[in-house]
N, C-alpha and C. Protein backbone atom coordinates (compact mmCIF):
# COMPACT_ATOMS: atom_id res chain seq x y z
N MET A 1 38.03 6.72 -23.28
CA MET A 1 37.34 5.74 -21.96
C MET A 1 37.87 3.89 -22.55
N LYS A 2 37.88 3.28 -20.99
CA LYS A 2 38.53 2.22 -21.23
C LYS A 2 37.86 1.16 -20.81
N TYR A 3 36.92 0.21 -21.15
CA TYR A 3 36.50 -1.02 -20.93
C TYR A 3 37.10 -1.53 -20.47
N GLY A 4 36.69 -2.33 -18.94
CA GLY A 4 37.00 -3.71 -18.80
C GLY A 4 36.48 -4.44 -17.67
N ILE A 5 35.27 -4.00 -17.42
CA ILE A 5 33.55 -4.61 -16.19
C ILE A 5 33.35 -5.08 -17.36
N THR A 6 32.84 -5.69 -16.68
CA THR A 6 31.46 -6.85 -17.26
C THR A 6 30.33 -6.82 -16.59
N CYS A 7 29.21 -6.00 -17.24
CA CYS A 7 28.23 -6.41 -16.37
C CYS A 7 27.48 -7.77 -16.03
N THR A 8 27.65 -8.21 -14.71
CA THR A 8 26.81 -9.24 -14.34
C THR A 8 25.38 -10.32 -14.82
N ILE A 9 24.51 -8.85 -15.46
CA ILE A 9 23.13 -9.35 -15.34
C ILE A 9 23.54 -9.36 -17.01
N CYS A 10 23.92 -8.07 -17.90
CA CYS A 10 23.47 -8.29 -19.44
C CYS A 10 24.57 -8.77 -20.23
N GLY A 11 26.64 -8.74 -19.44
CA GLY A 11 27.43 -8.97 -19.94
C GLY A 11 28.30 -8.45 -20.69
N SER A 12 27.74 -7.20 -21.25
CA SER A 12 28.00 -5.76 -21.38
C SER A 12 29.12 -5.55 -21.00
N LEU A 13 30.21 -4.71 -21.70
CA LEU A 13 31.85 -4.37 -21.23
C LEU A 13 30.77 -2.40 -20.82
N PHE A 14 31.85 -2.23 -19.59
CA PHE A 14 31.63 -0.93 -19.27
C PHE A 14 32.53 -0.70 -18.38
N ASP A 15 33.26 1.23 -18.22
CA ASP A 15 33.80 2.07 -17.29
C ASP A 15 33.42 2.11 -16.13
N ARG A 16 33.08 1.30 -15.00
CA ARG A 16 32.86 1.82 -13.81
C ARG A 16 32.79 3.09 -13.48
N PRO A 17 32.39 3.33 -13.08
CA PRO A 17 32.08 5.37 -12.30
C PRO A 17 32.49 4.99 -10.67
N LYS A 18 32.23 3.91 -10.35
CA LYS A 18 32.69 3.93 -8.85
C LYS A 18 33.58 2.38 -8.35
N ASN A 19 34.60 2.61 -8.22
CA ASN A 19 35.01 1.33 -7.88
C ASN A 19 34.00 -0.64 -7.73
N ASN A 20 33.27 -0.07 -6.90
CA ASN A 20 33.01 -1.09 -6.72
C ASN A 20 31.32 -2.08 -7.24
N ALA A 21 31.31 -1.15 -8.58
CA ALA A 21 29.50 -1.22 -9.55
C ALA A 21 30.42 -2.45 -10.42
N LYS A 22 28.71 -3.34 -10.35
CA LYS A 22 28.87 -4.28 -11.15
C LYS A 22 27.89 -4.22 -12.55
N TYR A 23 27.25 -3.10 -12.36
CA TYR A 23 25.97 -3.23 -13.31
C TYR A 23 26.66 -2.31 -14.28
N CYS A 24 25.55 -1.94 -15.43
CA CYS A 24 25.87 -1.17 -16.67
C CYS A 24 25.10 0.02 -16.39
N SER A 25 24.07 -0.01 -16.19
CA SER A 25 23.10 0.86 -16.43
C SER A 25 22.18 0.65 -15.27
N ASP A 26 21.01 1.63 -14.69
CA ASP A 26 19.83 0.96 -13.92
C ASP A 26 19.47 0.35 -14.42
N ASP A 27 18.55 0.15 -15.31
CA ASP A 27 18.16 -1.35 -15.55
C ASP A 27 19.16 -2.56 -15.07
N CYS A 28 19.73 -2.76 -15.53
CA CYS A 28 20.19 -3.76 -15.01
C CYS A 28 20.94 -3.93 -13.20
N ARG A 29 21.05 -2.69 -12.76
CA ARG A 29 21.41 -2.41 -11.37
C ARG A 29 19.76 -2.84 -10.97
N ARG A 30 18.54 -2.97 -11.26
CA ARG A 30 17.49 -3.16 -11.04
C ARG A 30 17.16 -4.62 -10.75
N THR A 31 17.37 -5.38 -11.98
CA THR A 31 17.20 -6.92 -12.66
C THR A 31 17.75 -7.60 -11.21
N GLY A 32 19.19 -6.85 -10.99
CA GLY A 32 20.53 -7.84 -9.96
C GLY A 32 19.85 -7.25 -8.40
N ALA A 33 18.74 -6.61 -8.57
CA ALA A 33 18.56 -6.50 -7.18
C ALA A 33 17.45 -7.68 -6.96
N GLN A 34 16.70 -7.58 -7.91
CA GLN A 34 14.94 -8.55 -8.11
C GLN A 34 15.66 -10.27 -7.88
N ILE A 35 16.81 -10.02 -8.88
CA ILE A 35 17.21 -10.97 -8.84
C ILE A 35 18.14 -11.65 -7.40
N LYS A 36 18.56 -11.25 -6.47
CA LYS A 36 19.18 -10.72 -5.07
C LYS A 36 18.30 -10.96 -4.30
N ARG A 37 17.16 -10.83 -4.59
CA ARG A 37 15.82 -10.60 -3.69
C ARG A 37 14.92 -12.41 -3.73
N GLN A 38 14.73 -12.88 -4.69
CA GLN A 38 14.32 -13.79 -5.39
C GLN A 38 15.48 -14.61 -4.81
N GLU A 39 16.64 -15.03 -4.45
CA GLU A 39 17.26 -15.89 -4.16
C GLU A 39 17.48 -15.49 -2.50
N TRP A 40 17.13 -14.50 -1.71
CA TRP A 40 17.25 -14.32 -0.85
C TRP A 40 15.90 -15.38 -0.42
N LEU A 41 14.52 -15.21 -0.82
CA LEU A 41 13.92 -15.60 -0.57
C LEU A 41 13.54 -17.13 -0.75
N ASP A 42 14.26 -17.67 -2.00
CA ASP A 42 14.17 -19.27 -2.13
C ASP A 42 15.00 -19.88 -0.51
N ARG A 43 16.03 -18.83 -0.42
CA ARG A 43 16.74 -19.25 0.50
C ARG A 43 16.20 -19.60 2.01
N ASN A 44 14.89 -18.31 2.27
CA ASN A 44 14.55 -17.96 3.67
C ASN A 44 12.98 -18.48 3.39
N PRO A 45 12.31 -19.28 2.97
CA PRO A 45 10.92 -19.41 2.61
C PRO A 45 9.77 -19.40 3.36
N ASP A 46 10.47 -19.62 4.29
CA ASP A 46 9.06 -19.61 5.63
C ASP A 46 9.07 -18.04 6.32
N TYR A 47 10.02 -17.19 6.17
CA TYR A 47 10.90 -15.79 6.87
C TYR A 47 9.09 -15.32 6.60
N ASN A 48 8.72 -14.83 6.19
CA ASN A 48 7.19 -13.95 6.22
C ASN A 48 6.44 -14.52 6.97
N LYS A 49 6.17 -16.16 6.77
CA LYS A 49 4.99 -16.70 8.05
C LYS A 49 5.77 -16.16 9.23
N ILE A 50 7.54 -16.53 9.46
CA ILE A 50 7.75 -16.06 10.97
C ILE A 50 7.64 -14.94 11.13
N ALA A 51 7.90 -14.27 10.78
CA ALA A 51 7.92 -12.64 10.82
C ALA A 51 6.40 -12.29 11.34
N GLY A 52 5.47 -12.55 10.34
CA GLY A 52 4.03 -12.33 10.60
C GLY A 52 3.60 -13.20 11.94
N LYS A 53 3.85 -13.75 12.38
CA LYS A 53 3.38 -14.36 13.53
C LYS A 53 3.91 -14.29 14.32
N ARG A 54 5.30 -13.77 14.47
CA ARG A 54 6.21 -12.61 15.65
C ARG A 54 5.07 -11.50 15.93
N PHE A 55 5.00 -10.72 14.71
CA PHE A 55 4.02 -9.20 14.77
C PHE A 55 2.93 -9.27 15.49
N ARG A 56 2.25 -10.52 14.95
CA ARG A 56 1.13 -10.55 15.71
C ARG A 56 0.87 -11.10 16.79
N ALA A 57 1.63 -11.63 17.71
CA ALA A 57 1.73 -12.26 18.99
C ALA A 57 1.93 -10.57 19.66
N GLY A 58 2.87 -9.75 19.35
CA GLY A 58 3.30 -8.48 19.92
C GLY A 58 2.30 -7.98 20.08
N GLN A 59 1.06 -7.91 18.53
CA GLN A 59 -0.17 -6.90 18.54
C GLN A 59 -0.50 -7.53 19.75
N ARG A 60 -0.89 -8.70 19.95
CA ARG A 60 -1.74 -9.25 21.14
C ARG A 60 -1.33 -8.96 22.78
N MET A 61 0.43 -9.38 22.70
CA MET A 61 0.65 -8.50 23.88
C MET A 61 -0.10 -7.40 24.11
N GLU A 62 0.51 -6.38 23.03
CA GLU A 62 0.35 -5.01 23.50
C GLU A 62 -1.57 -4.73 23.48
N ARG A 63 -2.89 -5.71 22.88
CA ARG A 63 -4.02 -5.71 23.17
C ARG A 63 -4.12 -5.62 24.28
N GLN A 64 -3.35 -7.31 25.25
CA GLN A 64 -4.17 -7.51 26.01
C GLN A 64 -3.56 -6.04 27.32
N LYS A 65 -1.79 -5.64 27.26
CA LYS A 65 -2.46 -4.66 28.39
C LYS A 65 -2.80 -3.60 28.50
N ARG A 66 -3.04 -3.05 26.83
CA ARG A 66 -4.58 -1.88 26.79
C ARG A 66 -5.34 -2.10 27.68
N HIS A 67 -5.86 -3.30 27.56
CA HIS A 67 -7.23 -4.23 28.22
C HIS A 67 -6.89 -3.68 29.50
N GLU A 68 -6.13 -4.52 30.01
CA GLU A 68 -6.03 -4.72 31.13
C GLU A 68 -6.05 -3.50 31.75
N GLN A 69 -4.84 -2.34 31.69
CA GLN A 69 -5.61 -0.84 32.19
C GLN A 69 -6.59 -0.29 31.77
N TYR A 70 -7.20 -0.99 30.94
CA TYR A 70 -8.64 -0.10 30.90
C TYR A 70 -9.60 -0.66 32.09
N LEU A 71 -9.63 -1.81 32.61
CA LEU A 71 -10.11 -2.16 33.78
C LEU A 71 -9.85 -1.70 34.99
N LYS A 72 -8.44 -1.93 35.13
CA LYS A 72 -7.38 -0.88 36.40
C LYS A 72 -8.25 0.25 36.51
N GLY A 73 -8.27 0.76 35.36
CA GLY A 73 -9.05 2.41 35.43
C GLY A 73 -10.74 2.36 35.98
N LYS A 74 -11.36 1.13 35.11
CA LYS A 74 -12.90 1.22 35.15
C LYS A 74 -12.56 1.30 36.73
N LYS A 75 -12.21 -0.23 37.66
CA LYS A 75 -12.03 -0.43 38.73
C LYS A 75 -12.29 0.36 39.81
N GLU A 76 -10.88 1.31 39.96
CA GLU A 76 -11.13 2.44 39.93
C GLU A 76 -11.66 3.51 40.11
N ALA A 77 -12.89 3.96 38.86
CA ALA A 77 -13.53 4.92 38.78
C ALA A 77 -14.84 4.11 39.94
N ILE A 78 -14.87 2.58 39.71
CA ILE A 78 -16.03 2.38 40.68
C ILE A 78 -15.55 2.69 42.35
N GLU A 79 -14.48 1.95 42.40
CA GLU A 79 -14.54 2.19 44.15
C GLU A 79 -14.73 4.04 44.41
N ARG A 80 -13.88 4.51 43.23
CA ARG A 80 -14.55 6.37 44.05
C ARG A 80 -15.89 6.97 43.31
N ALA A 81 -16.32 6.06 42.41
CA ALA A 81 -17.29 6.26 43.04
C ALA A 81 -18.91 5.68 43.87
N THR A 82 -18.25 4.71 44.23
CA THR A 82 -19.24 3.83 45.79
C THR A 82 -18.59 4.27 46.98
N GLY A 83 -17.04 4.93 46.91
CA GLY A 83 -16.33 4.96 47.85
C GLY A 83 -16.07 3.33 48.83
N GLY A 84 -16.39 2.02 48.16
CA GLY A 84 -16.13 1.26 48.91
C GLY A 84 -14.99 0.62 47.92
N LYS A 85 -14.27 -0.83 48.51
CA LYS A 85 -13.46 -1.28 47.62
C LYS A 85 -14.49 -2.02 46.75
N PHE A 86 -13.72 -2.83 45.46
CA PHE A 86 -14.84 -2.98 44.69
C PHE A 86 -13.99 -4.39 44.69
N LEU A 87 -14.93 -5.90 44.01
CA LEU A 87 -14.60 -6.86 44.59
C LEU A 87 -14.72 -7.47 43.10
C-alpha cells in the first residue's frame, strides 16, 4: 500500500481509494462536513431568517387563496339556495 495523501482533518497519511478522497476515515469525513457546514453558516448568517420569512409568506398566500375559494363556494351555495344574487 502506498501512502501519499494527507487527511485534511487529522493529518495522517493514507492511500485514497478514490481519486478525489480528502479524508482517511468516516469520522474525519463527518468532521469535515461539520466544519464545511459551519463555515457556510458563518458566511451566510441570515440565511435561515430569510428562508423562514419567504416560507411563511408563501404559506400566507396559500391560506389566503384557500379562504377566497371557501368564500366563493359559500357565496355560490347561498345563491343556489335562495335562487337569487348574493350581495
